[in-house]
């Protein structure tokens, strides 16, 4: 691979590596809305915030509550998310699975590799 000529080259290399990662057998792919949901859950997890199913369904930027609920169910079936109990048994907390965390670890390695390729 040629050396980076401008900062955008690092990002483009990262995209190429990330696409290759998505092609490897692991978790089933996500649609664009599911990717947005995954990012929201991951950021909340990083910030030690708790997100319930109701919190997610209340996010207007994700669309109708029924659509969000359908996507959360799909993501659970695909192995990206789990629901855990809270103090209130009627409320479930949305969390990343261990496989989803491993996926983010692999993406991080792609970033490091893209940045180090000179």
Protein backbone atom coordinates (compact mmCIF):
# COMPACT_ATOMS: atom_id res chain seq x y z
CA UNK A 1 0.00 0.00 0.00
CA UNK A 2 1.28 3.50 -0.73
CA UNK A 3 2.13 5.96 1.98
CA UNK A 4 -0.44 8.49 3.15
CA UNK A 5 -0.44 11.74 1.24
CA UNK A 6 -3.14 13.47 3.27
CA UNK A 7 -5.07 12.79 6.50
CA UNK A 8 -8.09 11.49 4.56
CA UNK A 9 -5.93 8.58 3.36
CA UNK A 10 -5.84 7.20 6.92
CA UNK A 11 -9.62 7.31 7.14
CA UNK A 12 -10.02 5.68 3.74
CA UNK A 13 -7.62 2.89 4.76
CA UNK A 14 -9.65 2.41 7.93
CA UNK A 15 -12.86 2.08 5.88
CA UNK A 16 -11.17 -0.52 3.69
CA UNK A 17 -10.01 -2.52 6.71
CA UNK A 18 -13.41 -2.20 8.39
CA UNK A 19 -15.15 -3.48 5.23
CA UNK A 20 -12.83 -6.49 5.23
CA UNK A 21 -13.69 -7.08 8.89
CA UNK A 22 -17.41 -7.02 8.10
CA UNK A 23 -16.82 -9.70 5.49
CA UNK A 24 -15.46 -12.13 8.08
CA UNK A 25 -17.87 -14.59 9.65
CA UNK A 26 -18.98 -13.19 12.98
CA UNK A 27 -22.23 -11.46 13.87
CA UNK A 28 -24.93 -10.98 11.22
CA UNK A 29 -24.86 -7.58 9.48
CA UNK A 30 -26.95 -4.64 10.66
CA UNK A 31 -29.12 -2.30 8.64
CA UNK A 32 -28.39 1.47 8.89
CA UNK A 33 -30.93 2.06 11.69
CA UNK A 34 -29.54 -0.87 13.67
CA UNK A 35 -26.04 0.57 13.26
CA UNK A 36 -27.29 3.88 14.72
CA UNK A 37 -28.87 2.02 17.62
CA UNK A 38 -25.64 0.08 18.18
CA UNK A 39 -23.66 3.33 18.28
CA UNK A 40 -26.07 4.87 20.81
CA UNK A 41 -25.90 1.82 23.07
CA UNK A 42 -22.10 1.66 22.76
CA UNK A 43 -21.66 5.35 23.63
CA UNK A 44 -23.99 5.02 26.60
CA UNK A 45 -22.05 1.98 27.77
CA UNK A 46 -18.77 3.87 27.40
CA UNK A 47 -20.20 6.71 29.52
CA UNK A 48 -21.56 4.23 32.13
CA UNK A 49 -25.11 5.34 31.34
CA UNK A 50 -28.04 2.99 31.54
CA UNK A 51 -30.46 2.76 28.63
CA UNK A 52 -33.77 0.99 28.95
CA UNK A 53 -35.92 -0.26 26.11
CA UNK A 54 -38.29 2.60 26.90
CA UNK A 55 -35.41 5.12 26.67
CA UNK A 56 -34.50 3.78 23.24
CA UNK A 57 -38.09 3.82 22.01
CA UNK A 58 -38.38 7.44 23.18
CA UNK A 59 -35.52 8.65 20.96
CA UNK A 60 -37.34 10.56 18.22
CA UNK A 61 -34.27 10.52 15.91
CA UNK A 62 -34.64 6.73 15.61
CA UNK A 63 -38.21 6.83 14.34
CA UNK A 64 -41.45 5.37 15.60
CA UNK A 65 -41.34 3.42 18.88
CA UNK A 66 -42.65 0.29 17.14
CA UNK A 67 -39.83 0.48 14.58
CA UNK A 68 -37.22 0.86 17.32
CA UNK A 69 -38.72 -2.06 19.26
CA UNK A 70 -38.62 -4.24 16.12
CA UNK A 71 -34.97 -3.36 15.52
CA UNK A 72 -34.03 -4.04 19.15
CA UNK A 73 -35.65 -7.47 18.84
CA UNK A 74 -33.79 -8.10 15.58
CA UNK A 75 -30.48 -7.04 17.12
CA UNK A 76 -31.03 -9.38 20.06
CA UNK A 77 -31.75 -12.25 17.68
CA UNK A 78 -28.58 -11.42 15.70
CA UNK A 79 -26.51 -11.45 18.90
CA UNK A 80 -25.57 -7.76 19.10
CA UNK A 81 -27.64 -6.77 22.16
CA UNK A 82 -28.98 -8.31 25.34
CA UNK A 83 -31.64 -7.10 27.73
CA UNK A 84 -30.91 -7.27 31.43
CA UNK A 85 -33.18 -6.84 34.42
CA UNK A 86 -33.28 -3.65 36.46
CA UNK A 87 -34.68 -2.98 39.92
CA UNK A 88 -38.07 -2.56 38.22
CA UNK A 89 -38.83 -5.93 36.61
CA UNK A 90 -40.99 -4.17 34.01
CA UNK A 91 -37.98 -2.25 32.65
CA UNK A 92 -35.16 -3.92 30.76
CA UNK A 93 -31.73 -2.39 30.26
CA UNK A 94 -30.19 -2.57 26.76
CA UNK A 95 -26.54 -3.71 26.71
CA UNK A 96 -23.95 -4.88 24.20
CA UNK A 97 -23.15 -8.58 24.04
CA UNK A 98 -19.61 -9.86 24.48
CA UNK A 99 -19.50 -10.53 20.72
CA UNK A 100 -20.46 -6.91 20.03
CA UNK A 101 -17.68 -5.73 22.34
CA UNK A 102 -15.22 -8.00 20.48
CA UNK A 103 -16.39 -6.43 17.21
CA UNK A 104 -15.57 -2.95 18.55
CA UNK A 105 -12.16 -4.25 19.67
CA UNK A 106 -11.51 -5.46 16.13
CA UNK A 107 -12.63 -2.12 14.68
CA UNK A 108 -10.24 -0.38 17.05
CA UNK A 109 -7.39 -2.53 15.77
CA UNK A 110 -8.35 -1.53 12.22
CA UNK A 111 -8.06 2.14 13.22
CA UNK A 112 -4.64 1.61 14.76
CA UNK A 113 -3.45 -0.33 11.75
CA UNK A 114 -4.73 2.32 9.31
CA UNK A 115 -3.00 5.07 11.29
CA UNK A 116 0.28 3.18 11.47
CA UNK A 117 0.49 2.31 7.77
CA UNK A 118 2.98 4.75 6.31
